[in-house]
Amino acid sequence: MAQSALGALLRRLREERRLSLRELSQLSEVDHAYISRLETGEKESPSEDVVGKLIKVLKPSESVGRILRFLAQAPETDPMLVDLIWDDPTIDPELFQSAAGMRFRGNTRPDWKRVIQKIRKLREDMEGG
């Protein structure tokens, strides 16, 4: 099974804090096998309680915490978007959610950088006009 966006973000946050799965499990009181399944995409849509426990231990920024909560409810989100927010912290949760909610035709993956740029431009146009 392909890694989910939630799993990609969880793994990055865990690795940033230099925690093993077992350490995160002990600190968060969430089963390590369940965390592993979330990271690999085998499990999706954890409860708010589980997400809250993981956030408490992983201590992401408020913005990334909000994105993590969103991803727990939006398992269809492209994991490539996580790479983009990791590299560009100026992408706020609303911008992320707007991009994640877009649907595309065909088999090619969207260029998420361009999508984000277009959404930003649209926001500027709406706010300025």
N, C-alpha and C. Protein backbone atom coordinates (compact mmCIF):
# COMPACT_ATOMS: atom_id res chain seq x y z
N MET A 1 0.84 -1.19 0.00
CA MET A 1 0.00 0.00 0.00
C MET A 1 0.89 1.25 0.00
N ALA A 2 0.51 2.24 -0.77
CA ALA A 2 1.29 3.47 -0.86
C ALA A 2 1.14 4.31 0.41
N GLN A 3 2.21 5.00 0.74
CA GLN A 3 2.18 5.85 1.93
C GLN A 3 1.15 6.96 1.74
N SER A 4 0.45 7.27 2.80
CA SER A 4 -0.55 8.34 2.77
C SER A 4 0.12 9.67 3.11
N ALA A 5 -0.58 10.75 2.85
CA ALA A 5 -0.07 12.08 3.22
C ALA A 5 0.07 12.17 4.74
N LEU A 6 -0.91 11.64 5.46
CA LEU A 6 -0.84 11.62 6.92
C LEU A 6 0.39 10.85 7.38
N GLY A 7 0.60 9.67 6.80
CA GLY A 7 1.75 8.85 7.16
C GLY A 7 3.07 9.54 6.87
N ALA A 8 3.14 10.21 5.72
CA ALA A 8 4.37 10.92 5.36
C ALA A 8 4.68 12.02 6.36
N LEU A 9 3.65 12.77 6.76
CA LEU A 9 3.86 13.86 7.71
C LEU A 9 4.19 13.32 9.10
N LEU A 10 3.50 12.28 9.52
CA LEU A 10 3.81 11.67 10.82
C LEU A 10 5.26 11.20 10.88
N ARG A 11 5.69 10.51 9.83
CA ARG A 11 7.06 9.99 9.80
C ARG A 11 8.07 11.14 9.85
N ARG A 12 7.83 12.17 9.08
CA ARG A 12 8.76 13.32 9.08
C ARG A 12 8.84 13.96 10.46
N LEU A 13 7.68 14.14 11.08
CA LEU A 13 7.67 14.75 12.41
C LEU A 13 8.37 13.86 13.44
N ARG A 14 8.13 12.57 13.36
CA ARG A 14 8.76 11.63 14.29
C ARG A 14 10.28 11.63 14.09
N GLU A 15 10.71 11.59 12.84
CA GLU A 15 12.15 11.58 12.56
C GLU A 15 12.80 12.91 12.94
N GLU A 16 12.09 14.01 12.76
CA GLU A 16 12.61 15.32 13.16
C GLU A 16 12.86 15.36 14.67
N ARG A 17 12.00 14.72 15.42
CA ARG A 17 12.15 14.66 16.89
C ARG A 17 13.09 13.54 17.32
N ARG A 18 13.59 12.78 16.32
CA ARG A 18 14.53 11.67 16.57
C ARG A 18 13.94 10.63 17.53
N LEU A 19 12.70 10.27 17.25
CA LEU A 19 12.01 9.26 18.05
C LEU A 19 11.83 7.99 17.23
N SER A 20 12.01 6.85 17.86
CA SER A 20 11.67 5.59 17.21
C SER A 20 10.16 5.41 17.33
N LEU A 21 9.64 4.43 16.60
CA LEU A 21 8.21 4.13 16.71
C LEU A 21 7.86 3.75 18.15
N ARG A 22 8.70 2.96 18.77
CA ARG A 22 8.43 2.53 20.15
C ARG A 22 8.48 3.70 21.13
N GLU A 23 9.42 4.61 20.93
CA GLU A 23 9.50 5.78 21.82
C GLU A 23 8.26 6.66 21.67
N LEU A 24 7.86 6.90 20.42
CA LEU A 24 6.65 7.69 20.18
C LEU A 24 5.45 6.99 20.80
N SER A 25 5.40 5.68 20.67
CA SER A 25 4.31 4.90 21.23
C SER A 25 4.25 5.06 22.75
N GLN A 26 5.38 4.93 23.39
CA GLN A 26 5.41 5.03 24.86
C GLN A 26 5.01 6.43 25.32
N LEU A 27 5.53 7.45 24.66
CA LEU A 27 5.25 8.82 25.07
C LEU A 27 3.80 9.23 24.79
N SER A 28 3.26 8.72 23.69
CA SER A 28 1.90 9.13 23.29
C SER A 28 0.82 8.17 23.82
N GLU A 29 1.24 7.01 24.28
CA GLU A 29 0.30 5.98 24.72
C GLU A 29 -0.59 5.50 23.57
N VAL A 30 0.02 5.45 22.38
CA VAL A 30 -0.64 4.91 21.19
C VAL A 30 0.19 3.71 20.75
N ASP A 31 -0.45 2.59 20.46
CA ASP A 31 0.24 1.37 20.10
C ASP A 31 1.23 1.59 18.95
N HIS A 32 2.45 1.08 19.10
CA HIS A 32 3.48 1.30 18.08
C HIS A 32 3.11 0.67 16.74
N ALA A 33 2.42 -0.46 16.77
CA ALA A 33 2.01 -1.10 15.52
C ALA A 33 0.98 -0.23 14.79
N TYR A 34 0.12 0.42 15.55
CA TYR A 34 -0.88 1.31 14.94
C TYR A 34 -0.20 2.53 14.31
N ILE A 35 0.78 3.09 15.03
CA ILE A 35 1.53 4.24 14.48
C ILE A 35 2.23 3.81 13.20
N SER A 36 2.83 2.63 13.21
CA SER A 36 3.51 2.12 12.02
C SER A 36 2.53 1.98 10.85
N ARG A 37 1.35 1.46 11.13
CA ARG A 37 0.33 1.31 10.07
C ARG A 37 -0.13 2.68 9.54
N LEU A 38 -0.21 3.67 10.42
CA LEU A 38 -0.55 5.02 9.97
C LEU A 38 0.55 5.56 9.06
N GLU A 39 1.79 5.37 9.45
CA GLU A 39 2.92 5.88 8.66
C GLU A 39 3.01 5.22 7.29
N THR A 40 2.71 3.94 7.22
CA THR A 40 2.82 3.23 5.93
C THR A 40 1.58 3.40 5.06
N GLY A 41 0.50 3.92 5.62
CA GLY A 41 -0.73 4.10 4.86
C GLY A 41 -1.66 2.91 4.95
N GLU A 42 -1.26 1.89 5.72
CA GLU A 42 -2.12 0.72 5.89
C GLU A 42 -3.39 1.08 6.66
N LYS A 43 -3.28 2.02 7.58
CA LYS A 43 -4.42 2.54 8.33
C LYS A 43 -4.56 4.02 8.01
N GLU A 44 -5.80 4.49 8.00
CA GLU A 44 -6.07 5.90 7.72
C GLU A 44 -7.11 6.40 8.71
N SER A 45 -7.26 7.69 8.77
CA SER A 45 -8.31 8.34 9.54
C SER A 45 -8.33 7.96 11.02
N PRO A 46 -7.23 8.24 11.73
CA PRO A 46 -7.23 7.99 13.17
C PRO A 46 -8.21 8.91 13.88
N SER A 47 -8.59 8.53 15.08
CA SER A 47 -9.52 9.36 15.85
C SER A 47 -8.84 10.66 16.27
N GLU A 48 -9.66 11.63 16.64
CA GLU A 48 -9.14 12.91 17.13
C GLU A 48 -8.30 12.69 18.38
N ASP A 49 -8.69 11.73 19.21
CA ASP A 49 -7.95 11.42 20.42
C ASP A 49 -6.52 10.97 20.09
N VAL A 50 -6.40 10.06 19.13
CA VAL A 50 -5.08 9.56 18.72
C VAL A 50 -4.25 10.69 18.12
N VAL A 51 -4.84 11.48 17.25
CA VAL A 51 -4.12 12.60 16.63
C VAL A 51 -3.65 13.57 17.70
N GLY A 52 -4.51 13.87 18.66
CA GLY A 52 -4.15 14.77 19.75
C GLY A 52 -2.98 14.26 20.56
N LYS A 53 -2.97 12.96 20.85
CA LYS A 53 -1.87 12.36 21.61
C LYS A 53 -0.55 12.45 20.82
N LEU A 54 -0.61 12.19 19.52
CA LEU A 54 0.59 12.26 18.69
C LEU A 54 1.10 13.69 18.58
N ILE A 55 0.20 14.64 18.41
CA ILE A 55 0.59 16.04 18.32
C ILE A 55 1.24 16.51 19.62
N LYS A 56 0.70 16.07 20.72
CA LYS A 56 1.25 16.47 22.03
C LYS A 56 2.72 16.06 22.16
N VAL A 57 3.05 14.88 21.66
CA VAL A 57 4.42 14.38 21.75
C VAL A 57 5.31 14.95 20.64
N LEU A 58 4.78 15.02 19.42
CA LEU A 58 5.58 15.46 18.28
C LEU A 58 5.82 16.96 18.26
N LYS A 59 4.95 17.72 18.92
CA LYS A 59 5.09 19.17 19.06
C LYS A 59 5.36 19.91 17.74
N PRO A 60 4.50 19.69 16.74
CA PRO A 60 4.67 20.45 15.50
C PRO A 60 4.24 21.90 15.72
N SER A 61 4.57 22.76 14.77
CA SER A 61 4.07 24.13 14.84
C SER A 61 2.54 24.08 14.80
N GLU A 62 1.91 25.16 15.19
CA GLU A 62 0.44 25.19 15.16
C GLU A 62 -0.07 24.92 13.76
N SER A 63 0.57 25.50 12.77
CA SER A 63 0.16 25.33 11.38
C SER A 63 0.26 23.86 10.95
N VAL A 64 1.39 23.23 11.23
CA VAL A 64 1.57 21.82 10.85
C VAL A 64 0.62 20.93 11.65
N GLY A 65 0.37 21.28 12.90
CA GLY A 65 -0.60 20.53 13.70
C GLY A 65 -1.99 20.58 13.07
N ARG A 66 -2.38 21.74 12.58
CA ARG A 66 -3.69 21.87 11.92
C ARG A 66 -3.74 21.05 10.64
N ILE A 67 -2.62 21.03 9.90
CA ILE A 67 -2.56 20.23 8.67
C ILE A 67 -2.64 18.75 9.01
N LEU A 68 -1.96 18.33 10.07
CA LEU A 68 -2.02 16.93 10.50
C LEU A 68 -3.45 16.53 10.85
N ARG A 69 -4.16 17.39 11.56
CA ARG A 69 -5.57 17.11 11.91
C ARG A 69 -6.43 17.02 10.64
N PHE A 70 -6.17 17.90 9.68
CA PHE A 70 -6.90 17.86 8.41
C PHE A 70 -6.65 16.53 7.69
N LEU A 71 -5.37 16.11 7.64
CA LEU A 71 -5.03 14.89 6.92
C LEU A 71 -5.67 13.65 7.54
N ALA A 72 -5.89 13.69 8.83
CA ALA A 72 -6.55 12.55 9.50
C ALA A 72 -7.98 12.39 8.99
N GLN A 73 -8.56 13.46 8.46
CA GLN A 73 -9.92 13.42 7.94
C GLN A 73 -9.97 13.39 6.41
N ALA A 74 -8.81 13.51 5.76
CA ALA A 74 -8.76 13.57 4.30
C ALA A 74 -7.72 12.59 3.76
N PRO A 75 -8.00 11.29 3.87
CA PRO A 75 -7.00 10.28 3.49
C PRO A 75 -6.65 10.27 2.00
N GLU A 76 -7.45 10.89 1.18
CA GLU A 76 -7.18 10.89 -0.27
C GLU A 76 -6.14 11.94 -0.69
N THR A 77 -5.66 12.73 0.25
CA THR A 77 -4.70 13.80 -0.05
C THR A 77 -3.39 13.22 -0.59
N ASP A 78 -2.87 13.84 -1.63
CA ASP A 78 -1.62 13.41 -2.27
C ASP A 78 -0.44 13.63 -1.32
N PRO A 79 0.34 12.59 -1.04
CA PRO A 79 1.51 12.74 -0.16
C PRO A 79 2.55 13.74 -0.67
N MET A 80 2.53 14.00 -1.96
CA MET A 80 3.48 14.97 -2.53
C MET A 80 3.25 16.37 -1.95
N LEU A 81 2.04 16.65 -1.53
CA LEU A 81 1.75 17.95 -0.90
C LEU A 81 2.49 18.10 0.42
N VAL A 82 2.70 16.99 1.13
CA VAL A 82 3.45 17.04 2.39
C VAL A 82 4.88 17.47 2.13
N ASP A 83 5.48 16.95 1.05
CA ASP A 83 6.85 17.36 0.70
C ASP A 83 6.91 18.87 0.48
N LEU A 84 5.88 19.39 -0.16
CA LEU A 84 5.85 20.82 -0.46
C LEU A 84 5.74 21.66 0.81
N ILE A 85 4.87 21.28 1.74
CA ILE A 85 4.75 22.09 2.96
C ILE A 85 5.99 21.96 3.83
N TRP A 86 6.65 20.81 3.74
CA TRP A 86 7.88 20.62 4.52
C TRP A 86 8.96 21.57 4.02
N ASP A 87 9.00 21.76 2.70
CA ASP A 87 10.01 22.64 2.09
C ASP A 87 9.61 24.11 2.10
N ASP A 88 8.33 24.40 2.25
CA ASP A 88 7.85 25.78 2.20
C ASP A 88 6.89 26.05 3.37
N PRO A 89 7.45 26.49 4.51
CA PRO A 89 6.61 26.71 5.69
C PRO A 89 5.64 27.88 5.55
N THR A 90 5.70 28.63 4.45
CA THR A 90 4.75 29.73 4.26
C THR A 90 3.38 29.23 3.79
N ILE A 91 3.29 27.94 3.48
CA ILE A 91 2.00 27.37 3.07
C ILE A 91 1.18 27.13 4.33
N ASP A 92 0.14 27.96 4.50
CA ASP A 92 -0.69 27.86 5.71
C ASP A 92 -1.74 26.76 5.54
N PRO A 93 -2.39 26.38 6.64
CA PRO A 93 -3.37 25.28 6.56
C PRO A 93 -4.50 25.52 5.56
N GLU A 94 -4.97 26.75 5.44
CA GLU A 94 -6.06 27.03 4.50
C GLU A 94 -5.60 26.84 3.06
N LEU A 95 -4.39 27.29 2.76
CA LEU A 95 -3.83 27.13 1.42
C LEU A 95 -3.63 25.64 1.13
N PHE A 96 -3.10 24.92 2.11
CA PHE A 96 -2.90 23.48 1.97
C PHE A 96 -4.23 22.78 1.70
N GLN A 97 -5.25 23.11 2.48
CA GLN A 97 -6.56 22.47 2.31
C GLN A 97 -7.17 22.80 0.96
N SER A 98 -6.98 24.03 0.49
CA SER A 98 -7.50 24.39 -0.83
C SER A 98 -6.86 23.53 -1.91
N ALA A 99 -5.54 23.36 -1.82
CA ALA A 99 -4.84 22.55 -2.81
C ALA A 99 -5.26 21.09 -2.69
N ALA A 100 -5.34 20.58 -1.46
CA ALA A 100 -5.68 19.18 -1.24
C ALA A 100 -7.08 18.85 -1.75
N GLY A 101 -7.96 19.83 -1.75
CA GLY A 101 -9.33 19.61 -2.18
C GLY A 101 -9.53 19.65 -3.68
N MET A 102 -8.49 19.99 -4.42
CA MET A 102 -8.61 20.08 -5.88
C MET A 102 -8.59 18.68 -6.49
N ARG A 103 -9.32 18.53 -7.57
CA ARG A 103 -9.36 17.26 -8.30
C ARG A 103 -8.91 17.52 -9.73
N PHE A 104 -8.20 16.55 -10.30
CA PHE A 104 -7.64 16.71 -11.63
C PHE A 104 -8.04 15.53 -12.50
N ARG A 105 -8.08 15.79 -13.79
CA ARG A 105 -8.39 14.74 -14.74
C ARG A 105 -7.10 14.09 -15.22
N GLY A 106 -7.23 12.87 -15.68
CA GLY A 106 -6.08 12.18 -16.26
C GLY A 106 -5.23 11.48 -15.21
N ASN A 107 -4.16 10.88 -15.71
CA ASN A 107 -3.30 10.08 -14.85
C ASN A 107 -2.06 10.82 -14.37
N THR A 108 -1.80 11.99 -14.90
CA THR A 108 -0.59 12.71 -14.51
C THR A 108 -0.80 13.41 -13.18
N ARG A 109 0.27 13.45 -12.40
CA ARG A 109 0.21 14.14 -11.12
C ARG A 109 0.28 15.64 -11.35
N PRO A 110 -0.44 16.39 -10.56
CA PRO A 110 -0.37 17.85 -10.70
C PRO A 110 0.97 18.38 -10.22
N ASP A 111 1.34 19.52 -10.76
CA ASP A 111 2.53 20.23 -10.29
C ASP A 111 2.06 21.07 -9.10
N TRP A 112 2.27 20.57 -7.88
CA TRP A 112 1.72 21.21 -6.69
C TRP A 112 2.28 22.60 -6.46
N LYS A 113 3.52 22.85 -6.87
CA LYS A 113 4.06 24.21 -6.73
C LYS A 113 3.24 25.19 -7.55
N ARG A 114 2.92 24.80 -8.77
CA ARG A 114 2.12 25.68 -9.63
C ARG A 114 0.70 25.84 -9.08
N VAL A 115 0.14 24.76 -8.57
CA VAL A 115 -1.20 24.82 -7.98
C VAL A 115 -1.21 25.81 -6.83
N ILE A 116 -0.22 25.72 -5.94
CA ILE A 116 -0.11 26.64 -4.80
C ILE A 116 0.04 28.07 -5.29
N GLN A 117 0.87 28.29 -6.29
CA GLN A 117 1.05 29.64 -6.84
C GLN A 117 -0.27 30.19 -7.39
N LYS A 118 -1.02 29.35 -8.08
CA LYS A 118 -2.30 29.80 -8.65
C LYS A 118 -3.30 30.13 -7.54
N ILE A 119 -3.33 29.32 -6.49
CA ILE A 119 -4.25 29.60 -5.39
C ILE A 119 -3.85 30.89 -4.69
N ARG A 120 -2.55 31.09 -4.50
CA ARG A 120 -2.07 32.35 -3.89
C ARG A 120 -2.47 33.55 -4.74
N LYS A 121 -2.32 33.42 -6.05
CA LYS A 121 -2.68 34.52 -6.95
C LYS A 121 -4.18 34.80 -6.87
N LEU A 122 -4.96 33.74 -6.84
CA LEU A 122 -6.41 33.89 -6.73
C LEU A 122 -6.78 34.60 -5.41
N ARG A 123 -6.12 34.20 -4.34
CA ARG A 123 -6.36 34.85 -3.04
C ARG A 123 -6.04 36.33 -3.10
N GLU A 124 -4.88 36.65 -3.70
CA GLU A 124 -4.47 38.07 -3.81
C GLU A 124 -5.48 38.85 -4.63
N ASP A 125 -5.93 38.27 -5.73
CA ASP A 125 -6.92 38.94 -6.58
C ASP A 125 -8.22 39.18 -5.82
N MET A 126 -8.63 38.19 -5.03
CA MET A 126 -9.88 38.31 -4.29
C MET A 126 -9.76 39.33 -3.16
N GLU A 127 -8.63 39.35 -2.50
CA GLU A 127 -8.42 40.28 -1.39
C GLU A 127 -8.19 41.72 -1.88
N GLY A 128 -7.58 41.83 -3.05
CA GLY A 128 -7.24 43.15 -3.57
C GLY A 128 -8.37 43.78 -4.38
N GLY A 129 -9.32 42.98 -4.80
CA GLY A 129 -10.31 43.51 -5.72
C GLY A 129 -11.65 43.45 -5.22
